[in-house]
Amino acid sequence: MLCFLAGIHAALAQTRPLTGKVHDGKGSPIPGATVMQKGTSQGVPTGDDGSFSINVTGTSPTLEVSAIGFSRKEVIVDGKLHWISP
């Protein structure tokens, strides 16, 4: 299970930073997971604590989250906490 939490800052900007964390079902961070904005080449790895920061475009961007041992998941960013099963 991946846990994904993201928050959008500067919502009126065309390109804006989005930060969040990726965790497993037990709450442990998933370092080295890849977070990409769907339909773009924008992607970043998560840090040792599962955190990431990515610049996104659009009002409700879709992120693709992938990690070794987990299924690739898509998340529509809406400022809420997302629990995603593998």
N, C-alpha and C. Protein backbone atom coordinates (compact mmCIF):
# COMPACT_ATOMS: atom_id res chain seq x y z
N MET A 1 0.85 -1.17 0.00
CA MET A 1 0.00 0.00 0.00
C MET A 1 0.89 1.23 0.00
N LEU A 2 0.60 2.16 -0.87
CA LEU A 2 1.30 3.43 -0.89
C LEU A 2 0.39 4.47 -0.27
N CYS A 3 0.93 5.31 0.57
CA CYS A 3 0.20 6.44 1.12
C CYS A 3 0.78 7.68 0.49
N PHE A 4 -0.06 8.52 -0.05
CA PHE A 4 0.40 9.68 -0.78
C PHE A 4 -0.32 10.91 -0.27
N LEU A 5 0.44 11.92 0.09
CA LEU A 5 -0.13 13.17 0.55
C LEU A 5 0.55 14.29 -0.19
N ALA A 6 -0.23 15.15 -0.80
CA ALA A 6 0.36 16.26 -1.56
C ALA A 6 -0.42 17.53 -1.30
N GLY A 7 0.26 18.64 -1.33
CA GLY A 7 -0.37 19.94 -1.16
C GLY A 7 0.09 20.86 -2.25
N ILE A 8 -0.82 21.64 -2.79
CA ILE A 8 -0.48 22.59 -3.85
C ILE A 8 -0.31 23.96 -3.24
N HIS A 9 0.76 24.63 -3.66
CA HIS A 9 1.04 25.98 -3.22
C HIS A 9 0.93 26.91 -4.42
N ALA A 10 0.58 28.15 -4.19
CA ALA A 10 0.47 29.16 -5.25
C ALA A 10 -0.48 28.68 -6.35
N ALA A 11 -1.70 28.38 -5.97
CA ALA A 11 -2.66 27.74 -6.86
C ALA A 11 -2.96 28.54 -8.12
N LEU A 12 -2.75 29.83 -8.12
CA LEU A 12 -3.06 30.61 -9.30
C LEU A 12 -1.92 30.63 -10.31
N ALA A 13 -0.77 30.17 -9.96
CA ALA A 13 0.37 30.18 -10.88
C ALA A 13 0.20 29.10 -11.94
N GLN A 14 0.75 29.37 -13.12
CA GLN A 14 0.65 28.41 -14.22
C GLN A 14 1.43 27.14 -13.90
N THR A 15 2.66 27.29 -13.44
CA THR A 15 3.46 26.18 -12.95
C THR A 15 3.68 26.41 -11.47
N ARG A 16 3.45 25.36 -10.67
CA ARG A 16 3.55 25.55 -9.22
C ARG A 16 4.17 24.33 -8.57
N PRO A 17 4.80 24.54 -7.43
CA PRO A 17 5.39 23.39 -6.73
C PRO A 17 4.32 22.58 -6.00
N LEU A 18 4.55 21.29 -5.97
CA LEU A 18 3.67 20.38 -5.24
C LEU A 18 4.59 19.52 -4.38
N THR A 19 4.30 19.41 -3.12
CA THR A 19 5.11 18.60 -2.23
C THR A 19 4.27 17.50 -1.61
N GLY A 20 4.90 16.43 -1.20
CA GLY A 20 4.17 15.34 -0.58
C GLY A 20 5.11 14.27 -0.07
N LYS A 21 4.54 13.18 0.40
CA LYS A 21 5.32 12.04 0.90
C LYS A 21 4.68 10.75 0.40
N VAL A 22 5.51 9.76 0.19
CA VAL A 22 5.05 8.44 -0.21
C VAL A 22 5.47 7.46 0.88
N HIS A 23 4.49 6.72 1.43
CA HIS A 23 4.72 5.76 2.51
C HIS A 23 4.09 4.43 2.14
N ASP A 24 4.55 3.37 2.79
CA ASP A 24 3.90 2.08 2.62
C ASP A 24 2.72 1.97 3.57
N GLY A 25 2.04 0.85 3.57
CA GLY A 25 0.86 0.65 4.40
C GLY A 25 1.12 0.67 5.89
N LYS A 26 2.39 0.50 6.29
CA LYS A 26 2.74 0.52 7.71
C LYS A 26 3.24 1.90 8.13
N GLY A 27 3.24 2.86 7.19
CA GLY A 27 3.69 4.21 7.51
C GLY A 27 5.17 4.45 7.30
N SER A 28 5.88 3.44 6.80
CA SER A 28 7.31 3.60 6.53
C SER A 28 7.50 4.34 5.21
N PRO A 29 8.45 5.28 5.16
CA PRO A 29 8.67 6.02 3.92
C PRO A 29 9.20 5.09 2.82
N ILE A 30 8.93 5.46 1.57
CA ILE A 30 9.43 4.71 0.42
C ILE A 30 10.43 5.59 -0.31
N PRO A 31 11.71 5.45 0.02
CA PRO A 31 12.73 6.23 -0.67
C PRO A 31 12.94 5.69 -2.09
N GLY A 32 13.23 6.58 -3.02
CA GLY A 32 13.52 6.17 -4.39
C GLY A 32 12.30 5.89 -5.24
N ALA A 33 11.09 6.11 -4.72
CA ALA A 33 9.90 5.99 -5.55
C ALA A 33 9.94 7.11 -6.59
N THR A 34 9.29 6.91 -7.71
CA THR A 34 9.25 7.93 -8.76
C THR A 34 7.87 8.56 -8.78
N VAL A 35 7.84 9.89 -8.78
CA VAL A 35 6.59 10.66 -8.87
C VAL A 35 6.68 11.49 -10.14
N MET A 36 5.72 11.26 -11.07
CA MET A 36 5.72 11.98 -12.34
C MET A 36 4.36 12.61 -12.59
N GLN A 37 4.34 13.77 -13.27
CA GLN A 37 3.07 14.33 -13.70
C GLN A 37 2.70 13.65 -15.01
N LYS A 38 1.53 13.06 -15.04
CA LYS A 38 1.06 12.32 -16.21
C LYS A 38 1.03 13.23 -17.43
N GLY A 39 1.49 12.71 -18.55
CA GLY A 39 1.45 13.46 -19.80
C GLY A 39 2.61 14.44 -19.98
N THR A 40 3.55 14.44 -19.04
CA THR A 40 4.71 15.32 -19.13
C THR A 40 5.97 14.51 -18.86
N SER A 41 7.10 15.17 -19.00
CA SER A 41 8.36 14.52 -18.66
C SER A 41 8.83 14.94 -17.27
N GLN A 42 7.95 15.63 -16.52
CA GLN A 42 8.27 16.09 -15.17
C GLN A 42 8.21 14.91 -14.21
N GLY A 43 9.34 14.59 -13.61
CA GLY A 43 9.37 13.50 -12.64
C GLY A 43 10.50 13.69 -11.66
N VAL A 44 10.29 13.19 -10.43
CA VAL A 44 11.29 13.30 -9.38
C VAL A 44 11.28 12.03 -8.54
N PRO A 45 12.44 11.70 -7.93
CA PRO A 45 12.46 10.59 -6.98
C PRO A 45 12.11 11.10 -5.58
N THR A 46 11.63 10.19 -4.75
CA THR A 46 11.40 10.55 -3.35
C THR A 46 12.71 10.47 -2.59
N GLY A 47 12.83 11.27 -1.53
CA GLY A 47 14.02 11.26 -0.68
C GLY A 47 14.00 10.12 0.31
N ASP A 48 14.98 10.10 1.19
CA ASP A 48 15.09 9.04 2.20
C ASP A 48 13.86 8.97 3.11
N ASP A 49 13.19 10.10 3.30
CA ASP A 49 11.99 10.15 4.15
C ASP A 49 10.71 10.04 3.33
N GLY A 50 10.82 9.68 2.04
CA GLY A 50 9.65 9.52 1.18
C GLY A 50 9.10 10.82 0.63
N SER A 51 9.75 11.93 0.95
CA SER A 51 9.24 13.23 0.51
C SER A 51 9.65 13.56 -0.92
N PHE A 52 8.86 14.41 -1.56
CA PHE A 52 9.18 14.87 -2.90
C PHE A 52 8.67 16.28 -3.09
N SER A 53 9.20 16.94 -4.10
CA SER A 53 8.74 18.25 -4.53
C SER A 53 8.84 18.26 -6.05
N ILE A 54 7.74 18.58 -6.71
CA ILE A 54 7.69 18.56 -8.17
C ILE A 54 6.92 19.79 -8.65
N ASN A 55 7.34 20.38 -9.75
CA ASN A 55 6.59 21.48 -10.35
C ASN A 55 5.55 20.89 -11.28
N VAL A 56 4.28 21.31 -11.11
CA VAL A 56 3.18 20.78 -11.91
C VAL A 56 2.45 21.91 -12.62
N THR A 57 1.69 21.53 -13.64
CA THR A 57 0.85 22.47 -14.36
C THR A 57 -0.58 21.96 -14.33
N GLY A 58 -1.53 22.84 -14.59
CA GLY A 58 -2.94 22.45 -14.60
C GLY A 58 -3.59 22.63 -13.24
N THR A 59 -4.92 22.61 -13.25
CA THR A 59 -5.66 22.84 -12.01
C THR A 59 -5.79 21.59 -11.15
N SER A 60 -5.87 20.42 -11.75
CA SER A 60 -5.95 19.15 -11.01
C SER A 60 -5.02 18.15 -11.67
N PRO A 61 -3.72 18.31 -11.48
CA PRO A 61 -2.78 17.40 -12.15
C PRO A 61 -2.92 15.97 -11.66
N THR A 62 -2.62 15.04 -12.55
CA THR A 62 -2.58 13.63 -12.19
C THR A 62 -1.12 13.22 -12.06
N LEU A 63 -0.80 12.61 -10.92
CA LEU A 63 0.55 12.12 -10.70
C LEU A 63 0.57 10.61 -10.82
N GLU A 64 1.65 10.10 -11.38
CA GLU A 64 1.89 8.67 -11.45
C GLU A 64 2.98 8.35 -10.43
N VAL A 65 2.68 7.43 -9.53
CA VAL A 65 3.61 7.07 -8.47
C VAL A 65 4.00 5.61 -8.68
N SER A 66 5.31 5.37 -8.72
CA SER A 66 5.77 3.99 -8.89
C SER A 66 6.97 3.73 -7.98
N ALA A 67 7.08 2.49 -7.56
CA ALA A 67 8.20 2.07 -6.71
C ALA A 67 8.38 0.57 -6.88
N ILE A 68 9.60 0.11 -6.73
CA ILE A 68 9.89 -1.33 -6.83
C ILE A 68 9.08 -2.07 -5.77
N GLY A 69 8.39 -3.12 -6.19
CA GLY A 69 7.59 -3.92 -5.27
C GLY A 69 6.16 -3.44 -5.13
N PHE A 70 5.80 -2.33 -5.80
CA PHE A 70 4.44 -1.78 -5.74
C PHE A 70 3.93 -1.58 -7.16
N SER A 71 2.62 -1.64 -7.33
CA SER A 71 2.00 -1.34 -8.62
C SER A 71 2.05 0.16 -8.87
N ARG A 72 2.19 0.54 -10.13
CA ARG A 72 2.13 1.95 -10.49
C ARG A 72 0.71 2.45 -10.26
N LYS A 73 0.60 3.61 -9.64
CA LYS A 73 -0.71 4.18 -9.33
C LYS A 73 -0.81 5.60 -9.85
N GLU A 74 -2.03 6.01 -10.19
CA GLU A 74 -2.30 7.38 -10.59
C GLU A 74 -3.12 8.06 -9.51
N VAL A 75 -2.76 9.30 -9.21
CA VAL A 75 -3.45 10.06 -8.18
C VAL A 75 -3.80 11.43 -8.74
N ILE A 76 -5.08 11.79 -8.70
CA ILE A 76 -5.49 13.15 -9.06
C ILE A 76 -5.29 14.02 -7.83
N VAL A 77 -4.49 15.05 -7.97
CA VAL A 77 -4.15 15.89 -6.83
C VAL A 77 -5.32 16.79 -6.48
N ASP A 78 -5.81 16.62 -5.26
CA ASP A 78 -6.94 17.42 -4.79
C ASP A 78 -6.71 17.92 -3.36
N GLY A 79 -5.46 17.81 -2.89
CA GLY A 79 -5.12 18.32 -1.56
C GLY A 79 -5.50 17.39 -0.42
N LYS A 80 -5.94 16.17 -0.73
CA LYS A 80 -6.34 15.22 0.29
C LYS A 80 -5.31 14.11 0.43
N LEU A 81 -5.40 13.36 1.52
CA LEU A 81 -4.56 12.21 1.76
C LEU A 81 -5.11 11.05 0.93
N HIS A 82 -4.23 10.34 0.25
CA HIS A 82 -4.64 9.21 -0.60
C HIS A 82 -3.96 7.94 -0.12
N TRP A 83 -4.74 6.90 0.19
CA TRP A 83 -4.20 5.59 0.50
C TRP A 83 -4.40 4.76 -0.74
N ILE A 84 -3.32 4.15 -1.23
CA ILE A 84 -3.39 3.44 -2.49
C ILE A 84 -2.90 2.02 -2.26
N SER A 85 -3.71 1.02 -2.56
CA SER A 85 -3.29 -0.37 -2.40
C SER A 85 -2.38 -0.78 -3.54
N PRO A 86 -1.41 -1.67 -3.26
CA PRO A 86 -0.49 -2.13 -4.32
C PRO A 86 -1.21 -2.97 -5.35
